[in-house]
PDB file of N, CA and C in Angstrom:
ATOM      1  N   UNK A   1      74.650 121.908  56.948  1.00  0.00           N
ATOM      2  CA  UNK A   1      74.833 120.291  58.165  1.00  0.00           C
ATOM      3  C   UNK A   1      76.008 119.658  58.420  1.00  0.00           C
ATOM      4  N   UNK A   2      76.602 119.953  60.166  1.00  0.00           N
ATOM      5  CA  UNK A   2      77.431 119.588  59.698  1.00  0.00           C
ATOM      6  C   UNK A   2      78.324 118.036  61.269  1.00  0.00           C
ATOM      7  N   UNK A   3      79.089 117.166  60.836  1.00  0.00           N
ATOM      8  CA  UNK A   3      78.522 115.987  61.694  1.00  0.00           C
ATOM      9  C   UNK A   3      79.569 116.033  62.806  1.00  0.00           C
ATOM     10  N   UNK A   4      78.986 115.616  63.858  1.00  0.00           N
ATOM     11  CA  UNK A   4      79.828 115.950  64.728  1.00  0.00           C
ATOM     12  C   UNK A   4      80.740 114.570  65.723  1.00  0.00           C
ATOM     13  N   UNK A   5      82.304 114.518  64.849  1.00  0.00           N
ATOM     14  CA  UNK A   5      82.508 113.565  65.544  1.00  0.00           C
ATOM     15  C   UNK A   5      83.277 113.264  67.286  1.00  0.00           C
ATOM     16  N   UNK A   6      83.061 112.286  67.396  1.00  0.00           N
ATOM     17  CA  UNK A   6      83.520 111.934  68.380  1.00  0.00           C
ATOM     18  C   UNK A   6      84.649 110.885  68.368  1.00  0.00           C
ATOM     19  N   UNK A   7      86.013 111.448  69.499  1.00  0.00           N
ATOM     20  CA  UNK A   7      87.270 111.423  69.708  1.00  0.00           C
ATOM     21  C   UNK A   7      87.755 109.575  69.810  1.00  0.00           C
ATOM     22  N   UNK A   8      88.215 109.203  68.608  1.00  0.00           N
ATOM     23  CA  UNK A   8      89.533 108.258  69.158  1.00  0.00           C
ATOM     24  C   UNK A   8      89.669 107.648  69.725  1.00  0.00           C
ATOM     25  N   UNK A   9      89.211 106.474  70.863  1.00  0.00           N
ATOM     26  CA  UNK A   9      89.348 105.999  72.182  1.00  0.00           C
ATOM     27  C   UNK A   9      91.451 105.660  71.402  1.00  0.00           C
ATOM     28  N   UNK A  10      91.951 105.109  72.409  1.00  0.00           N
ATOM     29  CA  UNK A  10      93.328 104.970  72.018  1.00  0.00           C
ATOM     30  C   UNK A  10      93.224 103.830  73.742  1.00  0.00           C
ATOM     31  N   UNK A  11      93.587 102.641  72.776  1.00  0.00           N
ATOM     32  CA  UNK A  11      93.741 101.879  74.536  1.00  0.00           C
ATOM     33  C   UNK A  11      95.449 101.928  74.934  1.00  0.00           C
ATOM     34  N   UNK A  12      96.215 102.313  74.488  1.00  0.00           N
ATOM     35  CA  UNK A  12      97.909 102.605  74.469  1.00  0.00           C
ATOM     36  C   UNK A  12      98.471 101.914  74.025  1.00  0.00           C
ATOM     37  N   UNK A  13      98.135 100.846  72.998  1.00  0.00           N
ATOM     38  CA  UNK A  13      98.753  99.824  71.788  1.00  0.00           C
ATOM     39  C   UNK A  13     100.417 100.183  72.463  1.00  0.00           C
ATOM     40  N   UNK A  14     100.766  99.217  73.179  1.00  0.00           N
ATOM     41  CA  UNK A  14     102.341  98.623  72.994  1.00  0.00           C
ATOM     42  C   UNK A  14     103.181  99.480  74.415  1.00  0.00           C
ATOM     43  N   UNK A  15     102.252 100.254  75.093  1.00  0.00           N
ATOM     44  CA  UNK A  15     102.505 101.650  76.115  1.00  0.00           C
ATOM     45  C   UNK A  15     102.491 101.292  77.665  1.00  0.00           C
ATOM     46  N   UNK A  16     102.266  99.857  77.611  1.00  0.00           N
ATOM     47  CA  UNK A  16     102.818  99.209  79.155  1.00  0.00           C
ATOM     48  C   UNK A  16     104.376  99.200  80.107  1.00  0.00           C
ATOM     49  N   UNK A  17     105.491  98.896  79.238  1.00  0.00           N
ATOM     50  CA  UNK A  17     106.547  98.637  79.194  1.00  0.00           C
ATOM     51  C   UNK A  17     106.916 100.555  79.311  1.00  0.00           C
ATOM     52  N   UNK A  18     107.631 100.850  79.643  1.00  0.00           N
ATOM     53  CA  UNK A  18     108.701 102.271  79.660  1.00  0.00           C
ATOM     54  C   UNK A  18     109.149 102.009  79.434  1.00  0.00           C
ATOM     55  N   UNK A  19     110.082 103.598  77.853  1.00  0.00           N
ATOM     56  CA  UNK A  19     111.399 102.688  76.942  1.00  0.00           C
ATOM     57  C   UNK A  19     112.440 104.296  77.185  1.00  0.00           C
ATOM     58  N   UNK A  20     114.114 104.124  76.647  1.00  0.00           N
ATOM     59  CA  UNK A  20     114.431 104.579  76.704  1.00  0.00           C
ATOM     60  C   UNK A  20     113.957 105.587  75.801  1.00  0.00           C
ATOM     61  N   UNK A  21     114.785 107.049  75.925  1.00  0.00           N
ATOM     62  CA  UNK A  21     114.904 107.843  75.183  1.00  0.00           C
ATOM     63  C   UNK A  21     115.106 106.587  74.213  1.00  0.00           C
ATOM     64  N   UNK A  22     115.120 106.212  73.378  1.00  0.00           N
ATOM     65  CA  UNK A  22     116.413 105.545  72.506  1.00  0.00           C
ATOM     66  C   UNK A  22     115.090 104.710  71.647  1.00  0.00           C
ATOM     67  N   UNK A  23     114.279 104.653  71.877  1.00  0.00           N
ATOM     68  CA  UNK A  23     112.538 104.220  72.137  1.00  0.00           C
ATOM     69  C   UNK A  23     112.518 102.403  72.583  1.00  0.00           C
ATOM     70  N   UNK A  24     113.474 102.227  72.522  1.00  0.00           N
ATOM     71  CA  UNK A  24     113.967 100.774  73.107  1.00  0.00           C
ATOM     72  C   UNK A  24     112.942  99.881  74.778  1.00  0.00           C
ATOM     73  N   UNK A  25     112.714  99.353  75.314  1.00  0.00           N
ATOM     74  CA  UNK A  25     112.195  98.393  76.602  1.00  0.00           C
ATOM     75  C   UNK A  25     113.014  98.824  77.601  1.00  0.00           C
ATOM     76  N   UNK A  26     113.114  99.253  78.442  1.00  0.00           N
ATOM     77  CA  UNK A  26     113.169  99.827  79.914  1.00  0.00           C
ATOM     78  C   UNK A  26     113.338  98.408  80.090  1.00  0.00           C
ATOM     79  N   UNK A  27     114.694  97.513  80.922  1.00  0.00           N
ATOM     80  CA  UNK A  27     114.815  96.586  81.619  1.00  0.00           C
ATOM     81  C   UNK A  27     114.542  97.361  82.943  1.00  0.00           C
ATOM     82  N   UNK A  28     113.825  96.512  84.275  1.00  0.00           N
ATOM     83  CA  UNK A  28     113.298  96.758  85.427  1.00  0.00           C
ATOM     84  C   UNK A  28     114.386  96.086  85.876  1.00  0.00           C
ATOM     85  N   UNK A  29     114.655  97.119  87.244  1.00  0.00           N
ATOM     86  CA  UNK A  29     115.819  95.942  88.133  1.00  0.00           C
ATOM     87  C   UNK A  29     114.233  95.409  89.227  1.00  0.00           C
ATOM     88  N   UNK A  30     115.093  93.940  89.182  1.00  0.00           N
ATOM     89  CA  UNK A  30     114.412  92.798  89.583  1.00  0.00           C
ATOM     90  C   UNK A  30     113.774  93.460  91.784  1.00  0.00           C
ATOM     91  N   UNK A  31     112.729  92.731  91.848  1.00  0.00           N
ATOM     92  CA  UNK A  31     112.315  93.616  92.578  1.00  0.00           C
ATOM     93  C   UNK A  31     112.427  92.255  93.482  1.00  0.00           C
ATOM     94  N   UNK A  32     113.122  92.984  95.229  1.00  0.00           N
ATOM     95  CA  UNK A  32     113.459  92.116  95.917  1.00  0.00           C
ATOM     96  C   UNK A  32     112.135  91.560  97.054  1.00  0.00           C
ATOM     97  N   UNK A  33     112.765  90.159  97.517  1.00  0.00           N
ATOM     98  CA  UNK A  33     112.314  90.430  98.632  1.00  0.00           C
ATOM     99  C   UNK A  33     111.764  90.723 100.159  1.00  0.00           C
ATOM    100  N   UNK A  34     110.910  91.246 101.320  1.00  0.00           N
ATOM    101  CA  UNK A  34     110.678  91.795 101.895  1.00  0.00           C
ATOM    102  C   UNK A  34     112.042  91.028 102.823  1.00  0.00           C
ATOM    103  N   UNK A  35     112.147  89.842 103.319  1.00  0.00           N
ATOM    104  CA  UNK A  35     113.336  89.598 103.931  1.00  0.00           C
ATOM    105  C   UNK A  35     114.420  89.962 103.596  1.00  0.00           C
ATOM    106  N   UNK A  36     114.607  90.802 102.211  1.00  0.00           N
ATOM    107  CA  UNK A  36     116.047  90.963 101.746  1.00  0.00           C
ATOM    108  C   UNK A  36     116.229  92.119 102.325  1.00  0.00           C
ATOM    109  N   UNK A  37     115.076  92.893 102.003  1.00  0.00           N
ATOM    110  CA  UNK A  37     115.143  94.257 103.074  1.00  0.00           C
ATOM    111  C   UNK A  37     115.409  94.267 103.756  1.00  0.00           C
ATOM    112  N   UNK A  38     114.976  94.101 104.896  1.00  0.00           N
ATOM    113  CA  UNK A  38     115.511  94.111 106.573  1.00  0.00           C
ATOM    114  C   UNK A  38     116.497  93.219 107.261  1.00  0.00           C
ATOM    115  N   UNK A  39     116.290  91.845 106.191  1.00  0.00           N
ATOM    116  CA  UNK A  39     118.052  90.878 105.761  1.00  0.00           C
ATOM    117  C   UNK A  39     119.210  91.478 106.832  1.00  0.00           C
ATOM    118  N   UNK A  40     119.543  91.850 108.016  1.00  0.00           N
ATOM    119  CA  UNK A  40     121.209  92.085 108.559  1.00  0.00           C
ATOM    120  C   UNK A  40     120.610  93.111 109.402  1.00  0.00           C
ATOM    121  N   UNK A  41     119.268  94.425 108.865  1.00  0.00           N
ATOM    122  CA  UNK A  41     119.306  95.585 110.184  1.00  0.00           C
ATOM    123  C   UNK A  41     118.329  95.500 111.228  1.00  0.00           C
ATOM    124  N   UNK A  42     119.374  96.244 111.690  1.00  0.00           N
ATOM    125  CA  UNK A  42     119.022  96.373 112.915  1.00  0.00           C
ATOM    126  C   UNK A  42     118.344  97.070 113.483  1.00  0.00           C
ATOM    127  N   UNK A  43     117.020  97.186 114.566  1.00  0.00           N
ATOM    128  CA  UNK A  43     116.289  98.356 114.596  1.00  0.00           C
ATOM    129  C   UNK A  43     115.897  98.886 114.572  1.00  0.00           C
ATOM    130  N   UNK A  44     117.125 100.007 114.814  1.00  0.00           N
ATOM    131  CA  UNK A  44     117.024 101.912 114.820  1.00  0.00           C
ATOM    132  C   UNK A  44     117.129 102.046 113.767  1.00  0.00           C
ATOM    133  N   UNK A  45     117.459 101.100 112.594  1.00  0.00           N
ATOM    134  CA  UNK A  45     117.506 101.314 111.321  1.00  0.00           C
ATOM    135  C   UNK A  45     115.845 101.433 111.232  1.00  0.00           C
ATOM    136  N   UNK A  46     115.295 101.464 111.523  1.00  0.00           N
ATOM    137  CA  UNK A  46     113.902 101.058 110.664  1.00  0.00           C
ATOM    138  C   UNK A  46     113.319 102.506 112.024  1.00  0.00           C
ATOM    139  N   UNK A  47     112.208 104.115 110.693  1.00  0.00           N
ATOM    140  CA  UNK A  47     111.817 104.660 111.213  1.00  0.00           C
ATOM    141  C   UNK A  47     110.139 105.067 111.630  1.00  0.00           C
ATOM    142  N   UNK A  48     109.406 104.824 113.103  1.00  0.00           N
ATOM    143  CA  UNK A  48     108.249 104.953 112.893  1.00  0.00           C
ATOM    144  C   UNK A  48     107.336 105.548 112.374  1.00  0.00           C
ATOM    145  N   UNK A  49     106.631 104.501 111.978  1.00  0.00           N
ATOM    146  CA  UNK A  49     105.615 105.112 110.686  1.00  0.00           C
ATOM    147  C   UNK A  49     104.789 106.284 110.924  1.00  0.00           C
ATOM    148  N   UNK A  50     104.429 107.510 110.285  1.00  0.00           N
ATOM    149  CA  UNK A  50     103.938 108.541 110.988  1.00  0.00           C
ATOM    150  C   UNK A  50     103.223 108.988 109.451  1.00  0.00           C
ATOM    151  N   UNK A  51     101.421 108.928 109.250  1.00  0.00           N
ATOM    152  CA  UNK A  51     101.952 109.505 108.573  1.00  0.00           C
ATOM    153  C   UNK A  51     102.016 111.103 108.432  1.00  0.00           C
ATOM    154  N   UNK A  52     101.877 112.041 109.302  1.00  0.00           N
ATOM    155  CA  UNK A  52     102.732 113.679 108.383  1.00  0.00           C
ATOM    156  C   UNK A  52     104.545 113.179 108.082  1.00  0.00           C
ATOM    157  N   UNK A  53     106.061 112.474 108.226  1.00  0.00           N
ATOM    158  CA  UNK A  53     106.741 111.929 108.102  1.00  0.00           C
ATOM    159  C   UNK A  53     106.095 112.146 106.100  1.00  0.00           C
ATOM    160  N   UNK A  54     107.578 111.845 105.804  1.00  0.00           N
ATOM    161  CA  UNK A  54     108.259 111.856 103.827  1.00  0.00           C
ATOM    162  C   UNK A  54     108.582 111.004 104.122  1.00  0.00           C
ATOM    163  N   UNK A  55     108.115 109.863 103.393  1.00  0.00           N
ATOM    164  CA  UNK A  55     109.347 108.983 103.016  1.00  0.00           C
ATOM    165  C   UNK A  55     109.182 108.767 101.432  1.00  0.00           C
ATOM    166  N   UNK A  56     111.418 108.299 101.543  1.00  0.00           N
ATOM    167  CA  UNK A  56     111.521 107.998 100.221  1.00  0.00           C
ATOM    168  C   UNK A  56     111.436 106.581  99.531  1.00  0.00           C
ATOM    169  N   UNK A  57     111.486 106.252  99.010  1.00  0.00           N
ATOM    170  CA  UNK A  57     111.563 104.460  97.903  1.00  0.00           C
ATOM    171  C   UNK A  57     113.068 104.024  98.616  1.00  0.00           C
ATOM    172  N   UNK A  58     113.033 103.323  98.634  1.00  0.00           N
ATOM    173  CA  UNK A  58     113.851 101.504 100.199  1.00  0.00           C
ATOM    174  C   UNK A  58     113.864 102.248 101.562  1.00  0.00           C
ATOM    175  N   UNK A  59     113.353 103.464 102.028  1.00  0.00           N
ATOM    176  CA  UNK A  59     113.746 104.191 103.538  1.00  0.00           C
ATOM    177  C   UNK A  59     112.558 102.585 104.318  1.00  0.00           C
ATOM    178  N   UNK A  60     113.330 102.188 105.325  1.00  0.00           N
ATOM    179  CA  UNK A  60     113.147 101.758 106.142  1.00  0.00           C
ATOM    180  C   UNK A  60     111.632 101.808 107.938  1.00  0.00           C
ATOM    181  N   UNK A  61     110.708 100.943 108.023  1.00  0.00           N
ATOM    182  CA  UNK A  61     109.752 101.605 108.252  1.00  0.00           C
ATOM    183  C   UNK A  61     109.192 100.917 109.835  1.00  0.00           C
ATOM    184  N   UNK A  62     108.993 101.068 110.864  1.00  0.00           N
ATOM    185  CA  UNK A  62     108.177 100.304 111.544  1.00  0.00           C
ATOM    186  C   UNK A  62     106.852 100.252 112.119  1.00  0.00           C
ATOM    187  N   UNK A  63     105.872 100.000 111.274  1.00  0.00           N
ATOM    188  CA  UNK A  63     104.718 100.293 111.250  1.00  0.00           C
ATOM    189  C   UNK A  63     104.024  99.725 112.869  1.00  0.00           C
ATOM    190  N   UNK A  64     102.385  99.893 113.822  1.00  0.00           N
ATOM    191  CA  UNK A  64     102.691  99.431 115.006  1.00  0.00           C
ATOM    192  C   UNK A  64     101.416  98.169 114.558  1.00  0.00           C
ATOM    193  N   UNK A  65     100.772  98.684 114.104  1.00  0.00           N
ATOM    194  CA  UNK A  65     100.098  98.029 113.184  1.00  0.00           C
ATOM    195  C   UNK A  65     100.749  96.420 112.396  1.00  0.00           C
ATOM    196  N   UNK A  66     101.391  96.513 110.585  1.00  0.00           N
ATOM    197  CA  UNK A  66     101.844  95.761 110.373  1.00  0.00           C
ATOM    198  C   UNK A  66     103.166  95.156 110.989  1.00  0.00           C
ATOM    199  N   UNK A  67     104.343  96.049 111.435  1.00  0.00           N
ATOM    200  CA  UNK A  67     105.359  95.890 111.916  1.00  0.00           C
ATOM    201  C   UNK A  67     106.265  96.429 110.747  1.00  0.00           C
ATOM    202  N   UNK A  68     107.465  95.455 110.470  1.00  0.00           N
ATOM    203  CA  UNK A  68     109.061  96.069 109.761  1.00  0.00           C
ATOM    204  C   UNK A  68     107.784  96.392 108.283  1.00  0.00           C
ATOM    205  N   UNK A  69     108.696  96.969 107.997  1.00  0.00           N
ATOM    206  CA  UNK A  69     108.284  96.828 106.269  1.00  0.00           C
ATOM    207  C   UNK A  69     108.996  97.760 105.867  1.00  0.00           C
ATOM    208  N   UNK A  70     109.351  98.042 103.703  1.00  0.00           N
ATOM    209  CA  UNK A  70     110.319  99.239 103.187  1.00  0.00           C
ATOM    210  C   UNK A  70     109.064  99.959 102.325  1.00  0.00           C
ATOM    211  N   UNK A  71     109.475 100.387 101.727  1.00  0.00           N
ATOM    212  CA  UNK A  71     108.842 102.149 100.462  1.00  0.00           C
ATOM    213  C   UNK A  71     109.500 101.549  99.631  1.00  0.00           C
ATOM    214  N   UNK A  72     108.899 101.210  98.917  1.00  0.00           N
ATOM    215  CA  UNK A  72     108.365 100.367  97.503  1.00  0.00           C
ATOM    216  C   UNK A  72     108.052 101.533  95.989  1.00  0.00           C
ATOM    217  N   UNK A  73     107.367 101.918  96.383  1.00  0.00           N
ATOM    218  CA  UNK A  73     107.223 103.135  95.237  1.00  0.00           C
ATOM    219  C   UNK A  73     106.955 104.494  96.231  1.00  0.00           C
ATOM    220  N   UNK A  74     106.534 105.281  95.489  1.00  0.00           N
ATOM    221  CA  UNK A  74     106.027 107.009  96.310  1.00  0.00           C
ATOM    222  C   UNK A  74     105.171 107.414  95.584  1.00  0.00           C
ATOM    223  N   UNK A  75     103.831 108.100  96.102  1.00  0.00           N
ATOM    224  CA  UNK A  75     103.471 108.424  95.446  1.00  0.00           C
ATOM    225  C   UNK A  75     102.972 109.966  95.288  1.00  0.00           C
ATOM    226  N   UNK A  76     102.436 110.705  95.455  1.00  0.00           N
ATOM    227  CA  UNK A  76     102.786 112.392  95.687  1.00  0.00           C
ATOM    228  C   UNK A  76     102.127 112.317  97.779  1.00  0.00           C
ATOM    229  N   UNK A  77     100.592 111.391  97.520  1.00  0.00           N
ATOM    230  CA  UNK A  77     100.470 111.220  99.029  1.00  0.00           C
ATOM    231  C   UNK A  77     100.338 110.360  99.282  1.00  0.00           C
ATOM    232  N   UNK A  78     100.241 109.543  98.765  1.00  0.00           N
ATOM    233  CA  UNK A  78     100.617 107.845  99.453  1.00  0.00           C
ATOM    234  C   UNK A  78     101.779 107.468  99.382  1.00  0.00           C
ATOM    235  N   UNK A  79     102.385 105.843  99.529  1.00  0.00           N
ATOM    236  CA  UNK A  79     102.965 105.356  99.467  1.00  0.00           C
ATOM    237  C   UNK A  79     103.174 103.717  99.894  1.00  0.00           C
ATOM    238  N   UNK A  80     103.348 102.627  98.534  1.00  0.00           N
ATOM    239  CA  UNK A  80     103.476 101.856  98.752  1.00  0.00           C
ATOM    240  C   UNK A  80     104.806 100.679  99.365  1.00  0.00           C
ATOM    241  N   UNK A  81     103.983  99.814 101.120  1.00  0.00           N
ATOM    242  CA  UNK A  81     105.675  99.822 102.396  1.00  0.00           C
ATOM    243  C   UNK A  81     104.769  98.156 101.575  1.00  0.00           C
ATOM    244  N   UNK A  82     105.743  97.213 101.563  1.00  0.00           N
ATOM    245  CA  UNK A  82     106.351  95.809 101.527  1.00  0.00           C
ATOM    246  C   UNK A  82     106.404  94.999 102.947  1.00  0.00           C
ATOM    247  N   UNK A  83     105.408  94.808 103.593  1.00  0.00           N
ATOM    248  CA  UNK A  83     105.703  93.973 104.769  1.00  0.00           C
ATOM    249  C   UNK A  83     105.721  92.521 104.351  1.00  0.00           C
ATOM    250  N   UNK A  84     105.501  91.974 105.744  1.00  0.00           N
ATOM    251  CA  UNK A  84     106.865  90.232 105.580  1.00  0.00           C
ATOM    252  C   UNK A  84     104.450  89.644 105.429  1.00  0.00           C
ATOM    253  N   UNK A  85     103.263  90.294 105.193  1.00  0.00           N
ATOM    254  CA  UNK A  85     102.361  89.483 104.381  1.00  0.00           C
ATOM    255  C   UNK A  85     101.984  90.474 103.755  1.00  0.00           C
ATOM    256  N   UNK A  86     102.799  90.611 103.792  1.00  0.00           N
ATOM    257  CA  UNK A  86     102.562  91.601 101.231  1.00  0.00           C
ATOM    258  C   UNK A  86     102.287  93.644 101.708  1.00  0.00           C
ATOM    259  N   UNK A  87     102.362  93.835 100.318  1.00  0.00           N
ATOM    260  CA  UNK A  87     101.552  95.397 100.478  1.00  0.00           C
ATOM    261  C   UNK A  87     100.779  96.302 100.773  1.00  0.00           C
ATOM    262  N   UNK A  88     100.995  96.607 101.262  1.00  0.00           N
ATOM    263  CA  UNK A  88     100.209  98.535 101.074  1.00  0.00           C
ATOM    264  C   UNK A  88     100.217  99.178 100.954  1.00  0.00           C
ATOM    265  N   UNK A  89      99.352 100.068 101.136  1.00  0.00           N
ATOM    266  CA  UNK A  89      99.296 102.250 100.524  1.00  0.00           C
ATOM    267  C   UNK A  89      98.620 101.817 101.861  1.00  0.00           C
ATOM    268  N   UNK A  90     100.257 103.536 101.995  1.00  0.00           N
ATOM    269  CA  UNK A  90      99.464 104.564 103.718  1.00  0.00           C
ATOM    270  C   UNK A  90      99.710 105.591 103.281  1.00  0.00           C
ATOM    271  N   UNK A  91      98.801 106.583 103.750  1.00  0.00           N
ATOM    272  CA  UNK A  91      99.605 108.032 103.791  1.00  0.00           C
ATOM    273  C   UNK A  91     100.580 108.538 104.355  1.00  0.00           C
ATOM    274  N   UNK A  92     101.152 109.083 103.357  1.00  0.00           N
ATOM    275  CA  UNK A  92     102.555 110.335 103.957  1.00  0.00           C
ATOM    276  C   UNK A  92     102.235 111.389 103.735  1.00  0.00           C
ATOM    277  N   UNK A  93     103.176 112.450 103.988  1.00  0.00           N
ATOM    278  CA  UNK A  93     102.417 113.596 104.107  1.00  0.00           C
ATOM    279  C   UNK A  93     103.381 113.955 102.293  1.00  0.00           C
ATOM    280  N   UNK A  94     102.983 114.652 101.939  1.00  0.00           N
ATOM    281  CA  UNK A  94     103.369 114.976 100.384  1.00  0.00           C
ATOM    282  C   UNK A  94     103.497 116.768 100.597  1.00  0.00           C
TER     283      UNK A  94
END
């Protein structure tokens, strides 16, 4: 008779922070505010938002509803954009 064992659950045990190749915690760059991203930028620096366009981290965009924003995180099919009212997740070309 054999007894089937269930897999042991792990909870990450301190892996919330990114680590360097040498095992120490990776220092994160301080996050900018919306004003720091758009301060002194001309209107021509902002690209009109489109779901079919592809955006990189740090790109400046103009959304028809939310206004001017800066891309703060990029995923394969979504971007996180910091607007004056807060962050929003939007779709983009993957």
